[in-house]
């Protein structure tokens, strides 16, 4: 039987989570991670997972996000890092059959599907500005002020953890999401 819409959503959620796992293991910047997940989701708002393998789209999204967020990695480097991070039977995004040439060949189709809209507005800048405003309004050695950096890091981590599982961050302005 063909996959149900629920099966399709589970498959896409799995791959979005694998993007986040890959990014965490390779120290990809938070903005690039969030961009990769957003581009992946935007692609599948326009196409079906039956038309294109989600693993190929995920790798293309990571590759495009690295370009858009100015933390460039070549397609071969992205695939090598994914392969190095694959543990045991959980191959995640890369089963060994995917080559850099496949990603590069797919890049133009990926960009066309997204209508070349690679900019993703994240709430990270808003959180930084909020933290800075709070620091300026609190006395220098007050306990709440000393906690602000750890609170900002925790808030950014919570936002990043929400990216694979929610679509709110695709539609809401960054200030609302923060």
N, C-alpha and C. Protein backbone atom coordinates (compact mmCIF):
# COMPACT_ATOMS: atom_id res chain seq x y z
N UNK A 1 0.84 -1.20 0.00
CA UNK A 1 0.00 0.00 0.00
C UNK A 1 0.88 1.25 0.00
N UNK A 2 0.39 2.31 -0.63
CA UNK A 2 1.15 3.56 -0.63
C UNK A 2 1.22 4.16 0.78
N UNK A 3 2.22 4.98 1.02
CA UNK A 3 2.32 5.59 2.35
C UNK A 3 1.18 6.57 2.61
N UNK A 4 0.76 6.61 3.83
CA UNK A 4 -0.29 7.55 4.23
C UNK A 4 0.34 8.92 4.51
N UNK A 5 -0.48 9.96 4.57
CA UNK A 5 0.08 11.27 4.93
C UNK A 5 0.79 11.24 6.30
N UNK A 6 0.29 10.45 7.22
CA UNK A 6 0.94 10.35 8.54
C UNK A 6 2.33 9.70 8.40
N UNK A 7 2.43 8.69 7.54
CA UNK A 7 3.74 8.06 7.29
C UNK A 7 4.71 9.07 6.69
N UNK A 8 4.21 9.88 5.77
CA UNK A 8 5.03 10.89 5.13
C UNK A 8 5.53 11.91 6.16
N UNK A 9 4.66 12.35 7.04
CA UNK A 9 5.06 13.31 8.07
C UNK A 9 6.11 12.73 9.01
N UNK A 10 5.94 11.45 9.37
CA UNK A 10 6.93 10.79 10.24
C UNK A 10 8.29 10.70 9.56
N UNK A 11 8.28 10.38 8.28
CA UNK A 11 9.52 10.28 7.52
C UNK A 11 10.23 11.64 7.46
N UNK A 12 9.48 12.68 7.19
CA UNK A 12 10.07 14.01 7.10
C UNK A 12 10.55 14.49 8.46
N UNK A 13 9.81 14.19 9.52
CA UNK A 13 10.25 14.56 10.87
C UNK A 13 11.54 13.83 11.23
N UNK A 14 11.64 12.57 10.82
CA UNK A 14 12.86 11.79 11.08
C UNK A 14 14.06 12.47 10.42
N UNK A 15 13.91 12.85 9.16
CA UNK A 15 15.03 13.46 8.45
C UNK A 15 15.36 14.86 8.99
N UNK A 16 14.36 15.61 9.41
CA UNK A 16 14.63 16.92 10.02
C UNK A 16 15.42 16.74 11.32
N UNK A 17 15.08 15.71 12.08
CA UNK A 17 15.81 15.41 13.31
C UNK A 17 17.24 14.98 13.00
N UNK A 18 17.41 14.22 11.92
CA UNK A 18 18.76 13.79 11.53
C UNK A 18 19.61 14.98 11.10
N UNK A 19 19.02 15.98 10.49
CA UNK A 19 19.76 17.20 10.14
C UNK A 19 20.28 17.84 11.43
N UNK A 20 19.42 17.95 12.43
CA UNK A 20 19.83 18.55 13.71
C UNK A 20 20.93 17.74 14.38
N UNK A 21 20.83 16.42 14.31
CA UNK A 21 21.85 15.55 14.90
C UNK A 21 23.19 15.72 14.19
N UNK A 22 23.14 15.75 12.86
CA UNK A 22 24.36 15.95 12.08
C UNK A 22 24.99 17.29 12.45
N UNK A 23 24.18 18.33 12.52
CA UNK A 23 24.69 19.67 12.80
C UNK A 23 25.34 19.73 14.18
N UNK A 24 24.73 19.08 15.15
CA UNK A 24 25.30 19.08 16.50
C UNK A 24 26.63 18.35 16.54
N UNK A 25 26.73 17.24 15.81
CA UNK A 25 27.97 16.46 15.84
C UNK A 25 29.12 17.13 15.10
N UNK A 26 28.83 18.03 14.18
CA UNK A 26 29.88 18.70 13.41
C UNK A 26 30.05 20.16 13.80
N UNK A 27 29.39 20.58 14.88
CA UNK A 27 29.50 21.96 15.35
C UNK A 27 29.10 22.99 14.29
N UNK A 28 28.08 22.66 13.53
CA UNK A 28 27.54 23.60 12.56
C UNK A 28 26.89 24.75 13.34
N UNK A 29 27.08 25.99 12.91
CA UNK A 29 26.47 27.12 13.64
C UNK A 29 24.95 26.96 13.74
N UNK A 30 24.39 27.51 14.81
CA UNK A 30 22.95 27.37 15.05
C UNK A 30 22.12 27.92 13.90
N UNK A 31 22.52 29.05 13.37
CA UNK A 31 21.76 29.64 12.27
C UNK A 31 21.78 28.73 11.04
N UNK A 32 22.91 28.09 10.76
CA UNK A 32 23.00 27.18 9.62
C UNK A 32 22.14 25.95 9.85
N UNK A 33 22.12 25.45 11.07
CA UNK A 33 21.28 24.29 11.40
C UNK A 33 19.81 24.62 11.20
N UNK A 34 19.39 25.75 11.75
CA UNK A 34 17.99 26.15 11.62
C UNK A 34 17.63 26.42 10.16
N UNK A 35 18.56 27.01 9.41
CA UNK A 35 18.31 27.26 8.00
C UNK A 35 18.16 25.95 7.23
N UNK A 36 19.01 24.98 7.51
CA UNK A 36 18.92 23.68 6.82
C UNK A 36 17.57 23.02 7.07
N UNK A 37 17.13 23.04 8.31
CA UNK A 37 15.83 22.42 8.64
C UNK A 37 14.70 23.19 7.96
N UNK A 38 14.77 24.52 7.98
CA UNK A 38 13.72 25.32 7.34
C UNK A 38 13.68 25.09 5.84
N UNK A 39 14.85 25.03 5.20
CA UNK A 39 14.89 24.79 3.75
C UNK A 39 14.35 23.40 3.42
N UNK A 40 14.69 22.42 4.24
CA UNK A 40 14.18 21.06 4.06
C UNK A 40 12.65 21.06 4.12
N UNK A 41 12.10 21.74 5.11
CA UNK A 41 10.64 21.79 5.25
C UNK A 41 9.99 22.58 4.12
N UNK A 42 10.61 23.68 3.73
CA UNK A 42 10.06 24.47 2.62
C UNK A 42 10.00 23.65 1.34
N UNK A 43 11.03 22.85 1.11
CA UNK A 43 11.06 22.02 -0.09
C UNK A 43 9.84 21.09 -0.10
N UNK A 44 9.59 20.44 1.04
CA UNK A 44 8.49 19.47 1.07
C UNK A 44 7.12 20.12 1.25
N UNK A 45 7.07 21.43 1.36
CA UNK A 45 5.78 22.12 1.25
C UNK A 45 5.34 22.17 -0.20
N UNK A 46 6.32 22.06 -1.11
CA UNK A 46 6.04 22.16 -2.55
C UNK A 46 6.10 20.81 -3.26
N UNK A 47 6.82 19.86 -2.71
CA UNK A 47 7.01 18.54 -3.36
C UNK A 47 6.65 17.43 -2.40
N UNK A 48 6.44 16.26 -2.95
CA UNK A 48 6.14 15.07 -2.15
C UNK A 48 7.41 14.28 -1.90
N UNK A 49 7.44 13.57 -0.80
CA UNK A 49 8.60 12.72 -0.50
C UNK A 49 8.66 11.52 -1.45
N UNK A 50 7.59 11.30 -2.21
CA UNK A 50 7.61 10.22 -3.20
C UNK A 50 8.35 10.65 -4.47
N UNK A 51 8.47 11.97 -4.69
CA UNK A 51 9.15 12.48 -5.88
C UNK A 51 10.66 12.52 -5.73
N UNK A 52 11.14 12.83 -4.55
CA UNK A 52 12.57 12.99 -4.30
C UNK A 52 12.91 12.33 -2.97
N UNK A 53 14.01 11.59 -2.91
CA UNK A 53 14.39 10.97 -1.64
C UNK A 53 14.67 12.03 -0.57
N UNK A 54 14.04 11.93 0.58
CA UNK A 54 14.27 12.92 1.64
C UNK A 54 15.74 13.00 2.07
N UNK A 55 16.47 11.90 1.98
CA UNK A 55 17.88 11.96 2.37
C UNK A 55 18.67 12.87 1.43
N UNK A 56 18.36 12.85 0.14
CA UNK A 56 19.03 13.73 -0.82
C UNK A 56 18.65 15.19 -0.55
N UNK A 57 17.39 15.43 -0.28
CA UNK A 57 16.93 16.79 0.02
C UNK A 57 17.58 17.30 1.31
N UNK A 58 17.71 16.43 2.30
CA UNK A 58 18.32 16.84 3.57
C UNK A 58 19.77 17.26 3.37
N UNK A 59 20.52 16.48 2.61
CA UNK A 59 21.92 16.82 2.36
C UNK A 59 22.01 18.11 1.53
N UNK A 60 21.14 18.25 0.54
CA UNK A 60 21.13 19.48 -0.27
C UNK A 60 20.75 20.69 0.60
N UNK A 61 19.85 20.50 1.54
CA UNK A 61 19.45 21.58 2.44
C UNK A 61 20.63 22.00 3.33
N UNK A 62 21.37 21.03 3.83
CA UNK A 62 22.55 21.33 4.65
C UNK A 62 23.58 22.09 3.81
N UNK A 63 23.81 21.60 2.62
CA UNK A 63 24.78 22.22 1.72
C UNK A 63 24.38 23.67 1.40
N UNK A 64 23.12 23.88 1.05
CA UNK A 64 22.63 25.23 0.73
C UNK A 64 22.65 26.13 1.96
N UNK A 65 22.31 25.58 3.12
CA UNK A 65 22.31 26.37 4.35
C UNK A 65 23.72 26.82 4.71
N UNK A 66 24.69 25.96 4.49
CA UNK A 66 26.08 26.34 4.75
C UNK A 66 26.50 27.49 3.85
N UNK A 67 26.04 27.47 2.62
CA UNK A 67 26.35 28.59 1.71
C UNK A 67 25.62 29.86 2.16
N UNK A 68 24.35 29.74 2.46
CA UNK A 68 23.54 30.90 2.82
C UNK A 68 24.01 31.56 4.12
N UNK A 69 24.47 30.75 5.06
CA UNK A 69 24.88 31.28 6.36
C UNK A 69 26.39 31.50 6.46
N UNK A 70 27.07 31.43 5.31
CA UNK A 70 28.49 31.74 5.21
C UNK A 70 29.37 30.89 6.12
N UNK A 71 29.10 29.61 6.16
CA UNK A 71 29.98 28.66 6.85
C UNK A 71 30.22 27.51 5.86
N UNK A 72 30.80 27.85 4.73
CA UNK A 72 30.87 26.96 3.57
C UNK A 72 31.51 25.62 3.87
N UNK A 73 30.87 24.58 3.37
CA UNK A 73 31.40 23.23 3.32
C UNK A 73 31.08 22.70 1.93
N UNK A 74 32.01 21.97 1.34
CA UNK A 74 31.74 21.39 0.02
C UNK A 74 30.75 20.24 0.18
N UNK A 75 30.12 19.86 -0.91
CA UNK A 75 29.18 18.74 -0.87
C UNK A 75 29.89 17.47 -0.40
N UNK A 76 31.11 17.25 -0.89
CA UNK A 76 31.88 16.07 -0.48
C UNK A 76 32.19 16.12 1.01
N UNK A 77 32.51 17.30 1.54
CA UNK A 77 32.81 17.43 2.96
C UNK A 77 31.56 17.15 3.80
N UNK A 78 30.42 17.67 3.37
CA UNK A 78 29.17 17.41 4.09
C UNK A 78 28.90 15.90 4.14
N UNK A 79 29.03 15.23 2.99
CA UNK A 79 28.78 13.78 2.94
C UNK A 79 29.79 13.01 3.79
N UNK A 80 31.06 13.42 3.75
CA UNK A 80 32.08 12.75 4.56
C UNK A 80 31.79 12.90 6.05
N UNK A 81 31.37 14.10 6.45
CA UNK A 81 31.05 14.34 7.87
C UNK A 81 29.82 13.54 8.30
N UNK A 82 28.85 13.43 7.41
CA UNK A 82 27.65 12.64 7.73
C UNK A 82 28.04 11.17 7.85
N UNK A 83 28.85 10.67 6.92
CA UNK A 83 29.28 9.27 6.95
C UNK A 83 30.09 8.98 8.21
N UNK A 84 30.94 9.92 8.61
CA UNK A 84 31.76 9.74 9.80
C UNK A 84 30.88 9.73 11.06
N UNK A 85 29.79 10.47 11.02
CA UNK A 85 28.90 10.53 12.18
C UNK A 85 27.89 9.40 12.26
N UNK A 86 27.75 8.63 11.17
CA UNK A 86 26.77 7.53 11.18
C UNK A 86 27.26 6.43 12.10
N UNK A 87 26.42 6.04 13.03
CA UNK A 87 26.82 5.03 14.01
C UNK A 87 26.03 3.74 13.81
N UNK A 88 26.73 2.63 13.77
CA UNK A 88 26.08 1.32 13.69
C UNK A 88 25.16 1.19 12.51
N UNK A 89 23.96 0.70 12.74
CA UNK A 89 23.01 0.49 11.65
C UNK A 89 22.20 1.74 11.33
N UNK A 90 22.29 2.75 12.19
CA UNK A 90 21.55 3.98 11.95
C UNK A 90 22.37 4.88 11.03
N UNK A 91 22.16 4.74 9.75
CA UNK A 91 22.92 5.50 8.77
C UNK A 91 22.44 6.94 8.68
N UNK A 92 21.27 7.21 9.21
CA UNK A 92 20.78 8.58 9.21
C UNK A 92 20.54 9.11 7.81
N UNK A 93 21.28 10.14 7.45
CA UNK A 93 21.07 10.82 6.17
C UNK A 93 21.83 10.17 5.03
N UNK A 94 22.80 9.32 5.33
CA UNK A 94 23.73 8.89 4.28
C UNK A 94 23.96 7.38 4.38
N UNK A 95 23.55 6.66 3.35
CA UNK A 95 23.71 5.20 3.35
C UNK A 95 24.90 4.75 2.53
N UNK A 96 25.70 5.68 2.06
CA UNK A 96 26.88 5.34 1.27
C UNK A 96 26.63 5.42 -0.23
N UNK A 97 25.37 5.36 -0.67
CA UNK A 97 25.05 5.40 -2.09
C UNK A 97 25.03 6.82 -2.63
N UNK A 98 24.86 7.79 -1.75
CA UNK A 98 24.77 9.18 -2.16
C UNK A 98 26.17 9.74 -2.38
N UNK A 99 26.38 10.35 -3.52
CA UNK A 99 27.69 10.92 -3.89
C UNK A 99 27.57 12.43 -3.99
N UNK A 100 28.71 13.10 -3.90
CA UNK A 100 28.73 14.56 -4.00
C UNK A 100 28.15 15.02 -5.34
N UNK A 101 28.41 14.24 -6.39
CA UNK A 101 27.88 14.62 -7.70
C UNK A 101 26.34 14.61 -7.71
N UNK A 102 25.73 13.70 -6.94
CA UNK A 102 24.26 13.67 -6.86
C UNK A 102 23.75 14.95 -6.21
N UNK A 103 24.42 15.37 -5.15
CA UNK A 103 24.01 16.58 -4.44
C UNK A 103 24.17 17.80 -5.35
N UNK A 104 25.30 17.88 -6.03
CA UNK A 104 25.55 19.02 -6.91
C UNK A 104 24.60 19.04 -8.10
N UNK A 105 24.26 17.86 -8.64
CA UNK A 105 23.30 17.79 -9.74
C UNK A 105 21.90 18.20 -9.28
N UNK A 106 21.58 17.90 -8.03
CA UNK A 106 20.25 18.19 -7.49
C UNK A 106 20.14 19.64 -7.00
N UNK A 107 21.26 20.30 -6.78
CA UNK A 107 21.25 21.63 -6.19
C UNK A 107 20.37 22.62 -6.95
N UNK A 108 20.47 22.66 -8.26
CA UNK A 108 19.68 23.61 -9.04
C UNK A 108 18.18 23.31 -8.94
N UNK A 109 17.80 22.05 -9.04
CA UNK A 109 16.39 21.69 -8.89
C UNK A 109 15.88 22.05 -7.50
N UNK A 110 16.72 21.84 -6.49
CA UNK A 110 16.38 22.20 -5.11
C UNK A 110 16.12 23.70 -5.01
N UNK A 111 17.04 24.49 -5.56
CA UNK A 111 16.90 25.95 -5.50
C UNK A 111 15.68 26.42 -6.29
N UNK A 112 15.43 25.81 -7.45
CA UNK A 112 14.26 26.19 -8.24
C UNK A 112 12.97 25.92 -7.48
N UNK A 113 12.91 24.78 -6.81
CA UNK A 113 11.72 24.44 -6.03
C UNK A 113 11.49 25.47 -4.94
N UNK A 114 12.57 25.94 -4.33
CA UNK A 114 12.46 26.95 -3.27
C UNK A 114 12.32 28.36 -3.83
N UNK A 115 12.27 28.46 -5.17
CA UNK A 115 12.19 29.74 -5.86
C UNK A 115 13.32 30.67 -5.44
N UNK A 116 14.48 30.07 -5.16
CA UNK A 116 15.72 30.77 -4.80
C UNK A 116 15.60 31.60 -3.54
N UNK A 117 14.62 31.29 -2.69
CA UNK A 117 14.46 31.97 -1.40
C UNK A 117 15.21 31.18 -0.34
N UNK A 118 16.45 31.57 -0.10
CA UNK A 118 17.27 30.85 0.88
C UNK A 118 17.39 31.59 2.20
N UNK A 119 16.88 32.79 2.27
CA UNK A 119 16.98 33.55 3.50
C UNK A 119 15.94 33.03 4.49
N UNK A 120 16.41 32.76 5.70
CA UNK A 120 15.53 32.31 6.78
C UNK A 120 15.75 33.25 7.95
N UNK A 121 14.68 33.81 8.46
CA UNK A 121 14.79 34.73 9.60
C UNK A 121 14.64 33.92 10.88
N UNK A 122 15.67 33.98 11.71
CA UNK A 122 15.70 33.20 12.94
C UNK A 122 15.46 34.10 14.15
N UNK A 123 14.98 33.52 15.22
CA UNK A 123 14.81 34.31 16.44
C UNK A 123 16.10 34.49 17.23
N UNK A 124 17.23 33.96 16.75
CA UNK A 124 18.48 34.05 17.52
C UNK A 124 18.93 35.49 17.73
N UNK A 125 18.82 36.31 16.70
CA UNK A 125 19.22 37.72 16.84
C UNK A 125 18.31 38.43 17.84
N UNK A 126 17.02 38.15 17.78
CA UNK A 126 16.08 38.76 18.72
C UNK A 126 16.42 38.37 20.15
N UNK A 127 16.77 37.10 20.36
CA UNK A 127 17.14 36.65 21.70
C UNK A 127 18.41 37.36 22.18
N UNK A 128 19.37 37.55 21.29
CA UNK A 128 20.60 38.26 21.65
C UNK A 128 20.31 39.70 22.03
N UNK A 129 19.45 40.36 21.25
CA UNK A 129 19.11 41.75 21.54
C UNK A 129 18.34 41.87 22.85
N UNK A 130 17.47 40.92 23.12
CA UNK A 130 16.73 40.92 24.39
C UNK A 130 17.69 40.75 25.56
N UNK A 131 18.62 39.83 25.43
CA UNK A 131 19.61 39.61 26.48
C UNK A 131 20.45 40.85 26.71
N UNK A 132 20.87 41.51 25.64
CA UNK A 132 21.67 42.73 25.75
C UNK A 132 20.88 43.84 26.43
N UNK A 133 19.62 44.00 26.07
CA UNK A 133 18.77 45.03 26.69
C UNK A 133 18.59 44.75 28.18
N UNK A 134 18.43 43.47 28.54
CA UNK A 134 18.30 43.13 29.96
C UNK A 134 19.60 43.40 30.71
N UNK A 135 20.74 43.10 30.08
CA UNK A 135 22.03 43.36 30.73
C UNK A 135 22.21 44.85 31.01
N UNK A 136 21.81 45.67 30.06
CA UNK A 136 21.97 47.12 30.22
C UNK A 136 21.04 47.68 31.30
N UNK A 137 19.92 47.03 31.54
CA UNK A 137 18.95 47.56 32.50
C UNK A 137 19.19 47.05 33.92
N UNK A 138 20.04 46.04 34.10
CA UNK A 138 20.28 45.48 35.43
C UNK A 138 21.60 46.02 36.01
N UNK A 139 21.69 46.12 37.34
CA UNK A 139 22.96 46.54 37.96
C UNK A 139 24.09 45.55 37.61
N UNK A 140 25.31 46.04 37.61
CA UNK A 140 26.48 45.29 37.10
C UNK A 140 26.66 43.91 37.74
N UNK A 141 26.61 43.79 39.03
CA UNK A 141 26.90 42.50 39.68
C UNK A 141 25.66 41.81 40.24
N UNK A 142 24.49 42.16 39.74
CA UNK A 142 23.26 41.54 40.26
C UNK A 142 23.17 40.09 39.81
N UNK A 143 22.66 39.21 40.67
CA UNK A 143 22.56 37.78 40.30
C UNK A 143 21.79 37.53 39.01
N UNK A 144 20.67 38.23 38.75
CA UNK A 144 19.98 37.97 37.47
C UNK A 144 20.86 38.29 36.26
N UNK A 145 21.67 39.34 36.36
CA UNK A 145 22.53 39.72 35.22
C UNK A 145 23.58 38.64 34.96
N UNK A 146 24.09 38.03 36.01
CA UNK A 146 25.11 36.99 35.85
C UNK A 146 24.53 35.73 35.20
N UNK A 147 23.22 35.55 35.34
CA UNK A 147 22.56 34.37 34.76
C UNK A 147 22.16 34.57 33.29
N UNK A 148 22.17 35.79 32.80
CA UNK A 148 21.68 36.07 31.45
C UNK A 148 22.38 35.26 30.34
N UNK A 149 23.70 35.13 30.33
CA UNK A 149 24.33 34.34 29.26
C UNK A 149 23.85 32.88 29.24
N UNK A 150 23.71 32.28 30.40
CA UNK A 150 23.25 30.88 30.42
C UNK A 150 21.77 30.79 30.03
N UNK A 151 20.97 31.80 30.41
CA UNK A 151 19.57 31.81 30.00
C UNK A 151 19.44 31.99 28.49
N UNK A 152 20.27 32.84 27.92
CA UNK A 152 20.23 33.05 26.46
C UNK A 152 20.61 31.76 25.74
N UNK A 153 21.65 31.08 26.22
CA UNK A 153 22.07 29.81 25.60
C UNK A 153 20.96 28.78 25.70
N UNK A 154 20.31 28.71 26.86
CA UNK A 154 19.21 27.76 27.05
C UNK A 154 18.04 28.09 26.12
N UNK A 155 17.73 29.36 25.96
CA UNK A 155 16.63 29.76 25.07
C UNK A 155 16.96 29.43 23.62
N UNK A 156 18.20 29.69 23.20
CA UNK A 156 18.61 29.36 21.83
C UNK A 156 18.57 27.85 21.60
N UNK A 157 18.98 27.09 22.58
CA UNK A 157 18.92 25.62 22.46
C UNK A 157 17.48 25.13 22.35
N UNK A 158 16.59 25.75 23.11
CA UNK A 158 15.17 25.37 23.05
C UNK A 158 14.58 25.69 21.68
N UNK A 159 14.93 26.84 21.13
CA UNK A 159 14.44 27.21 19.80
C UNK A 159 14.96 26.22 18.77
N UNK A 160 16.24 25.91 18.85
CA UNK A 160 16.85 24.98 17.89
C UNK A 160 16.25 23.59 18.02
N UNK A 161 15.95 23.17 19.23
CA UNK A 161 15.32 21.86 19.44
C UNK A 161 13.91 21.81 18.87
N UNK A 162 13.25 22.97 18.81
CA UNK A 162 11.88 23.02 18.29
C UNK A 162 11.83 23.00 16.77
N UNK A 163 12.90 23.39 16.11
CA UNK A 163 12.88 23.48 14.65
C UNK A 163 12.45 22.19 13.96
N UNK A 164 12.98 21.02 14.32
CA UNK A 164 12.56 19.80 13.59
C UNK A 164 11.11 19.41 13.81
N UNK A 165 10.52 19.85 14.92
CA UNK A 165 9.19 19.34 15.27
C UNK A 165 8.05 20.33 15.12
N UNK A 166 8.34 21.56 14.75
CA UNK A 166 7.27 22.55 14.63
C UNK A 166 7.39 23.31 13.32
N UNK A 167 6.26 23.78 12.83
CA UNK A 167 6.25 24.62 11.63
C UNK A 167 6.04 26.08 11.99
N UNK A 168 5.86 26.39 13.27
CA UNK A 168 5.66 27.77 13.71
C UNK A 168 6.81 28.65 13.25
N UNK A 169 8.03 28.13 13.33
CA UNK A 169 9.19 28.94 13.00
C UNK A 169 9.33 29.17 11.49
N UNK A 170 8.53 28.48 10.69
CA UNK A 170 8.52 28.74 9.25
C UNK A 170 7.63 29.92 8.89
N UNK A 171 6.65 30.20 9.76
CA UNK A 171 5.66 31.20 9.41
C UNK A 171 5.66 32.43 10.30
N UNK A 172 6.06 32.28 11.56
CA UNK A 172 6.00 33.41 12.50
C UNK A 172 7.19 34.33 12.32
N UNK A 173 6.99 35.64 12.52
CA UNK A 173 8.15 36.55 12.51
C UNK A 173 9.10 36.15 13.66
N UNK A 174 10.41 36.36 13.49
CA UNK A 174 11.36 35.93 14.51
C UNK A 174 11.10 36.50 15.90
N UNK A 175 10.65 37.75 15.97
CA UNK A 175 10.39 38.35 17.28
C UNK A 175 9.26 37.64 17.99
N UNK A 176 8.27 37.14 17.25
CA UNK A 176 7.16 36.42 17.87
C UNK A 176 7.63 35.04 18.34
N UNK A 177 8.46 34.39 17.54
CA UNK A 177 8.97 33.07 17.90
C UNK A 177 9.85 33.13 19.14
N UNK A 178 10.61 34.22 19.30
CA UNK A 178 11.49 34.36 20.46
C UNK A 178 10.63 34.59 21.69
